[in-house]
Amino acid sequence: MKKILSLILFFLFALTIFAEVNVKFEKKMYDLGEIKEEEGPHKYRFKFYNYGETSVKILKVTPG
């Protein structure tokens, strides 16, 4: 029983490793230029496409 359980866990682990994420961004960078605080907030939306077979979760975004 332990061998069967170990084998099943191994295959589940292997599937998660080989699940391919294939994401392509239209633009990887966007230069907002010089922004003055009194002008208020500025926004830019990055468009991307997921060509992989699994869902993509963006967990963290950091400004550069």
PDB file of N, CA and C in Angstrom:
ATOM      1  N   MET A   1       0.820  -1.200   0.000  1.00  0.00           N
ATOM      2  CA  MET A   1       0.000   0.000   0.000  1.00  0.00           C
ATOM      3  C   MET A   1       0.865   1.266   0.000  1.00  0.00           C
ATOM      4  N   LYS A   2       1.965   1.222   0.793  1.00  0.00           N
ATOM      5  CA  LYS A   2       2.849   2.382   0.842  1.00  0.00           C
ATOM      6  C   LYS A   2       3.522   2.612  -0.509  1.00  0.00           C
ATOM      7  N   LYS A   3       3.839   1.531  -1.206  1.00  0.00           N
ATOM      8  CA  LYS A   3       4.479   1.674  -2.516  1.00  0.00           C
ATOM      9  C   LYS A   3       3.536   2.319  -3.510  1.00  0.00           C
ATOM     10  N   ILE A   4       2.277   1.937  -3.468  1.00  0.00           N
ATOM     11  CA  ILE A   4       1.288   2.504  -4.391  1.00  0.00           C
ATOM     12  C   ILE A   4       1.077   3.988  -4.085  1.00  0.00           C
ATOM     13  N   LEU A   5       0.966   4.323  -2.824  1.00  0.00           N
ATOM     14  CA  LEU A   5       0.786   5.724  -2.429  1.00  0.00           C
ATOM     15  C   LEU A   5       2.007   6.550  -2.826  1.00  0.00           C
ATOM     16  N   SER A   6       3.177   6.007  -2.604  1.00  0.00           N
ATOM     17  CA  SER A   6       4.407   6.704  -2.987  1.00  0.00           C
ATOM     18  C   SER A   6       4.473   6.908  -4.495  1.00  0.00           C
ATOM     19  N   LEU A   7       4.064   5.914  -5.242  1.00  0.00           N
ATOM     20  CA  LEU A   7       4.070   6.009  -6.699  1.00  0.00           C
ATOM     21  C   LEU A   7       3.086   7.074  -7.188  1.00  0.00           C
ATOM     22  N   ILE A   8       1.908   7.100  -6.608  1.00  0.00           N
ATOM     23  CA  ILE A   8       0.913   8.110  -6.985  1.00  0.00           C
ATOM     24  C   ILE A   8       1.424   9.506  -6.663  1.00  0.00           C
ATOM     25  N   LEU A   9       2.002   9.695  -5.481  1.00  0.00           N
ATOM     26  CA  LEU A   9       2.544  11.005  -5.112  1.00  0.00           C
ATOM     27  C   LEU A   9       3.675  11.423  -6.041  1.00  0.00           C
ATOM     28  N   PHE A  10       4.508  10.466  -6.434  1.00  0.00           N
ATOM     29  CA  PHE A  10       5.596  10.766  -7.360  1.00  0.00           C
ATOM     30  C   PHE A  10       5.053  11.264  -8.701  1.00  0.00           C
ATOM     31  N   PHE A  11       4.039  10.596  -9.243  1.00  0.00           N
ATOM     32  CA  PHE A  11       3.472  11.014 -10.530  1.00  0.00           C
ATOM     33  C   PHE A  11       2.783  12.375 -10.433  1.00  0.00           C
ATOM     34  N   LEU A  12       2.108  12.649  -9.333  1.00  0.00           N
ATOM     35  CA  LEU A  12       1.490  13.973  -9.159  1.00  0.00           C
ATOM     36  C   LEU A  12       2.556  15.058  -9.088  1.00  0.00           C
ATOM     37  N   PHE A  13       3.635  14.784  -8.389  1.00  0.00           N
ATOM     38  CA  PHE A  13       4.738  15.730  -8.300  1.00  0.00           C
ATOM     39  C   PHE A  13       5.370  15.950  -9.671  1.00  0.00           C
ATOM     40  N   ALA A  14       5.559  14.887 -10.422  1.00  0.00           N
ATOM     41  CA  ALA A  14       6.155  14.985 -11.756  1.00  0.00           C
ATOM     42  C   ALA A  14       5.266  15.804 -12.692  1.00  0.00           C
ATOM     43  N   LEU A  15       3.969  15.658 -12.590  1.00  0.00           N
ATOM     44  CA  LEU A  15       3.056  16.436 -13.436  1.00  0.00           C
ATOM     45  C   LEU A  15       3.176  17.925 -13.153  1.00  0.00           C
ATOM     46  N   THR A  16       3.323  18.304 -11.903  1.00  0.00           N
ATOM     47  CA  THR A  16       3.443  19.725 -11.575  1.00  0.00           C
ATOM     48  C   THR A  16       4.764  20.297 -12.064  1.00  0.00           C
ATOM     49  N   ILE A  17       5.810  19.491 -12.096  1.00  0.00           N
ATOM     50  CA  ILE A  17       7.110  19.966 -12.577  1.00  0.00           C
ATOM     51  C   ILE A  17       7.074  20.193 -14.089  1.00  0.00           C
ATOM     52  N   PHE A  18       6.447  19.294 -14.820  1.00  0.00           N
ATOM     53  CA  PHE A  18       6.466  19.365 -16.271  1.00  0.00           C
ATOM     54  C   PHE A  18       5.313  20.179 -16.863  1.00  0.00           C
ATOM     55  N   ALA A  19       4.420  20.714 -16.022  1.00  0.00           N
ATOM     56  CA  ALA A  19       3.353  21.580 -16.526  1.00  0.00           C
ATOM     57  C   ALA A  19       4.003  22.862 -17.038  1.00  0.00           C
ATOM     58  N   GLU A  20       3.859  23.123 -18.304  1.00  0.00           N
ATOM     59  CA  GLU A  20       4.551  24.237 -18.928  1.00  0.00           C
ATOM     60  C   GLU A  20       3.726  25.513 -18.870  1.00  0.00           C
ATOM     61  N   VAL A  21       4.364  26.579 -18.436  1.00  0.00           N
ATOM     62  CA  VAL A  21       3.746  27.899 -18.448  1.00  0.00           C
ATOM     63  C   VAL A  21       4.377  28.658 -19.596  1.00  0.00           C
ATOM     64  N   ASN A  22       3.562  29.136 -20.523  1.00  0.00           N
ATOM     65  CA  ASN A  22       4.051  29.844 -21.688  1.00  0.00           C
ATOM     66  C   ASN A  22       3.286  31.160 -21.799  1.00  0.00           C
ATOM     67  N   VAL A  23       3.866  32.228 -21.259  1.00  0.00           N
ATOM     68  CA  VAL A  23       3.221  33.540 -21.224  1.00  0.00           C
ATOM     69  C   VAL A  23       4.024  34.496 -22.093  1.00  0.00           C
ATOM     70  N   LYS A  24       3.335  35.238 -22.940  1.00  0.00           N
ATOM     71  CA  LYS A  24       3.975  36.243 -23.793  1.00  0.00           C
ATOM     72  C   LYS A  24       3.341  37.609 -23.511  1.00  0.00           C
ATOM     73  N   PHE A  25       4.191  38.605 -23.253  1.00  0.00           N
ATOM     74  CA  PHE A  25       3.733  39.970 -23.020  1.00  0.00           C
ATOM     75  C   PHE A  25       3.827  40.762 -24.309  1.00  0.00           C
ATOM     76  N   GLU A  26       2.849  41.676 -24.534  1.00  0.00           N
ATOM     77  CA  GLU A  26       2.948  42.568 -25.692  1.00  0.00           C
ATOM     78  C   GLU A  26       4.142  43.494 -25.518  1.00  0.00           C
ATOM     79  N   LYS A  27       4.279  44.082 -24.329  1.00  0.00           N
ATOM     80  CA  LYS A  27       5.422  44.924 -23.975  1.00  0.00           C
ATOM     81  C   LYS A  27       5.923  44.471 -22.623  1.00  0.00           C
ATOM     82  N   LYS A  28       7.246  44.315 -22.489  1.00  0.00           N
ATOM     83  CA  LYS A  28       7.793  43.912 -21.207  1.00  0.00           C
ATOM     84  C   LYS A  28       8.110  45.108 -20.323  1.00  0.00           C
ATOM     85  N   MET A  29       8.288  46.271 -20.937  1.00  0.00           N
ATOM     86  CA  MET A  29       8.587  47.489 -20.183  1.00  0.00           C
ATOM     87  C   MET A  29       7.785  48.646 -20.758  1.00  0.00           C
ATOM     88  N   TYR A  30       7.484  49.614 -19.891  1.00  0.00           N
ATOM     89  CA  TYR A  30       6.816  50.831 -20.326  1.00  0.00           C
ATOM     90  C   TYR A  30       7.407  51.980 -19.542  1.00  0.00           C
ATOM     91  N   ASP A  31       7.890  52.989 -20.224  1.00  0.00           N
ATOM     92  CA  ASP A  31       8.510  54.145 -19.574  1.00  0.00           C
ATOM     93  C   ASP A  31       7.468  55.241 -19.407  1.00  0.00           C
ATOM     94  N   LEU A  32       7.103  55.537 -18.164  1.00  0.00           N
ATOM     95  CA  LEU A  32       6.145  56.603 -17.888  1.00  0.00           C
ATOM     96  C   LEU A  32       6.783  57.988 -17.947  1.00  0.00           C
ATOM     97  N   GLY A  33       8.085  58.029 -18.067  1.00  0.00           N
ATOM     98  CA  GLY A  33       8.774  59.308 -18.107  1.00  0.00           C
ATOM     99  C   GLY A  33       8.861  59.910 -16.712  1.00  0.00           C
ATOM    100  N   GLU A  34       9.000  61.211 -16.665  1.00  0.00           N
ATOM    101  CA  GLU A  34       9.075  61.904 -15.379  1.00  0.00           C
ATOM    102  C   GLU A  34       7.663  62.290 -14.946  1.00  0.00           C
ATOM    103  N   ILE A  35       7.281  61.854 -13.785  1.00  0.00           N
ATOM    104  CA  ILE A  35       5.926  62.104 -13.285  1.00  0.00           C
ATOM    105  C   ILE A  35       5.998  63.031 -12.081  1.00  0.00           C
ATOM    106  N   LYS A  36       5.209  64.081 -12.138  1.00  0.00           N
ATOM    107  CA  LYS A  36       5.132  65.006 -10.996  1.00  0.00           C
ATOM    108  C   LYS A  36       3.970  64.572 -10.110  1.00  0.00           C
ATOM    109  N   GLU A  37       4.179  64.644  -8.827  1.00  0.00           N
ATOM    110  CA  GLU A  37       3.176  64.175  -7.869  1.00  0.00           C
ATOM    111  C   GLU A  37       1.855  64.939  -8.007  1.00  0.00           C
ATOM    112  N   GLU A  38       1.920  66.208  -8.314  1.00  0.00           N
ATOM    113  CA  GLU A  38       0.689  67.018  -8.416  1.00  0.00           C
ATOM    114  C   GLU A  38      -0.152  66.646  -9.642  1.00  0.00           C
ATOM    115  N   GLU A  39       0.429  65.919 -10.597  1.00  0.00           N
ATOM    116  CA  GLU A  39      -0.330  65.476 -11.768  1.00  0.00           C
ATOM    117  C   GLU A  39      -1.255  64.308 -11.449  1.00  0.00           C
ATOM    118  N   GLY A  40      -1.086  63.708 -10.284  1.00  0.00           N
ATOM    119  CA  GLY A  40      -1.938  62.593  -9.882  1.00  0.00           C
ATOM    120  C   GLY A  40      -1.386  61.259 -10.339  1.00  0.00           C
ATOM    121  N   PRO A  41      -2.128  60.191 -10.085  1.00  0.00           N
ATOM    122  CA  PRO A  41      -1.641  58.848 -10.418  1.00  0.00           C
ATOM    123  C   PRO A  41      -1.641  58.587 -11.930  1.00  0.00           C
ATOM    124  N   HIS A  42      -0.721  57.773 -12.354  1.00  0.00           N
ATOM    125  CA  HIS A  42      -0.637  57.338 -13.750  1.00  0.00           C
ATOM    126  C   HIS A  42      -0.799  55.828 -13.796  1.00  0.00           C
ATOM    127  N   LYS A  43      -1.411  55.350 -14.857  1.00  0.00           N
ATOM    128  CA  LYS A  43      -1.653  53.917 -14.985  1.00  0.00           C
ATOM    129  C   LYS A  43      -1.183  53.427 -16.339  1.00  0.00           C
ATOM    130  N   TYR A  44      -0.810  52.147 -16.370  1.00  0.00           N
ATOM    131  CA  TYR A  44      -0.509  51.472 -17.617  1.00  0.00           C
ATOM    132  C   TYR A  44      -0.911  50.012 -17.448  1.00  0.00           C
ATOM    133  N   ARG A  45      -1.534  49.460 -18.437  1.00  0.00           N
ATOM    134  CA  ARG A  45      -1.993  48.067 -18.376  1.00  0.00           C
ATOM    135  C   ARG A  45      -1.125  47.211 -19.288  1.00  0.00           C
ATOM    136  N   PHE A  46      -0.475  46.208 -18.697  1.00  0.00           N
ATOM    137  CA  PHE A  46       0.313  45.265 -19.479  1.00  0.00           C
ATOM    138  C   PHE A  46      -0.604  44.161 -19.977  1.00  0.00           C
ATOM    139  N   LYS A  47      -0.571  43.923 -21.274  1.00  0.00           N
ATOM    140  CA  LYS A  47      -1.370  42.846 -21.859  1.00  0.00           C
ATOM    141  C   LYS A  47      -0.477  41.635 -22.076  1.00  0.00           C
ATOM    142  N   PHE A  48      -0.975  40.478 -21.683  1.00  0.00           N
ATOM    143  CA  PHE A  48      -0.221  39.251 -21.886  1.00  0.00           C
ATOM    144  C   PHE A  48      -1.167  38.140 -22.304  1.00  0.00           C
ATOM    145  N   TYR A  49      -0.590  37.135 -22.927  1.00  0.00           N
ATOM    146  CA  TYR A  49      -1.353  35.996 -23.418  1.00  0.00           C
ATOM    147  C   TYR A  49      -0.757  34.722 -22.832  1.00  0.00           C
ATOM    148  N   ASN A  50      -1.608  33.848 -22.382  1.00  0.00           N
ATOM    149  CA  ASN A  50      -1.189  32.578 -21.816  1.00  0.00           C
ATOM    150  C   ASN A  50      -1.368  31.498 -22.878  1.00  0.00           C
ATOM    151  N   TYR A  51      -0.249  31.025 -23.422  1.00  0.00           N
ATOM    152  CA  TYR A  51      -0.292  29.966 -24.428  1.00  0.00           C
ATOM    153  C   TYR A  51      -0.059  28.582 -23.816  1.00  0.00           C
ATOM    154  N   GLY A  52       0.114  28.540 -22.512  1.00  0.00           N
ATOM    155  CA  GLY A  52       0.342  27.268 -21.828  1.00  0.00           C
ATOM    156  C   GLY A  52      -0.957  26.548 -21.541  1.00  0.00           C
ATOM    157  N   GLU A  53      -0.817  25.389 -20.936  1.00  0.00           N
ATOM    158  CA  GLU A  53      -1.982  24.570 -20.623  1.00  0.00           C
ATOM    159  C   GLU A  53      -2.461  24.758 -19.193  1.00  0.00           C
ATOM    160  N   THR A  54      -1.738  25.550 -18.390  1.00  0.00           N
ATOM    161  CA  THR A  54      -2.120  25.760 -16.997  1.00  0.00           C
ATOM    162  C   THR A  54      -2.467  27.215 -16.764  1.00  0.00           C
ATOM    163  N   SER A  55      -3.187  27.463 -15.696  1.00  0.00           N
ATOM    164  CA  SER A  55      -3.544  28.830 -15.325  1.00  0.00           C
ATOM    165  C   SER A  55      -2.314  29.561 -14.801  1.00  0.00           C
ATOM    166  N   VAL A  56      -2.328  30.879 -14.947  1.00  0.00           N
ATOM    167  CA  VAL A  56      -1.228  31.702 -14.479  1.00  0.00           C
ATOM    168  C   VAL A  56      -1.743  32.594 -13.358  1.00  0.00           C
ATOM    169  N   LYS A  57      -1.009  32.624 -12.253  1.00  0.00           N
ATOM    170  CA  LYS A  57      -1.334  33.518 -11.147  1.00  0.00           C
ATOM    171  C   LYS A  57      -0.173  34.482 -10.964  1.00  0.00           C
ATOM    172  N   ILE A  58      -0.471  35.774 -10.997  1.00  0.00           N
ATOM    173  CA  ILE A  58       0.545  36.783 -10.730  1.00  0.00           C
ATOM    174  C   ILE A  58       0.456  37.086  -9.242  1.00  0.00           C
ATOM    175  N   LEU A  59       1.466  36.692  -8.510  1.00  0.00           N
ATOM    176  CA  LEU A  59       1.434  36.804  -7.065  1.00  0.00           C
ATOM    177  C   LEU A  59       2.116  38.069  -6.540  1.00  0.00           C
ATOM    178  N   LYS A  60       3.042  38.623  -7.307  1.00  0.00           N
ATOM    179  CA  LYS A  60       3.768  39.777  -6.812  1.00  0.00           C
ATOM    180  C   LYS A  60       4.233  40.636  -7.980  1.00  0.00           C
ATOM    181  N   VAL A  61       4.056  41.931  -7.867  1.00  0.00           N
ATOM    182  CA  VAL A  61       4.540  42.881  -8.859  1.00  0.00           C
ATOM    183  C   VAL A  61       5.348  43.929  -8.119  1.00  0.00           C
ATOM    184  N   THR A  62       6.546  44.201  -8.608  1.00  0.00           N
ATOM    185  CA  THR A  62       7.382  45.217  -7.969  1.00  0.00           C
ATOM    186  C   THR A  62       7.764  46.258  -8.998  1.00  0.00           C
ATOM    187  N   PRO A  63       7.710  47.545  -8.632  1.00  0.00           N
ATOM    188  CA  PRO A  63       8.106  48.600  -9.571  1.00  0.00           C
ATOM    189  C   PRO A  63       9.611  48.591  -9.744  1.00  0.00           C
ATOM    190  N   GLY A  64      10.047  48.958 -10.925  1.00  0.00           N
ATOM    191  CA  GLY A  64      11.492  48.955 -11.215  1.00  0.00           C
ATOM    192  C   GLY A  64      11.985  50.302 -11.178  1.00  0.00           C
TER     193      GLY A  64
END
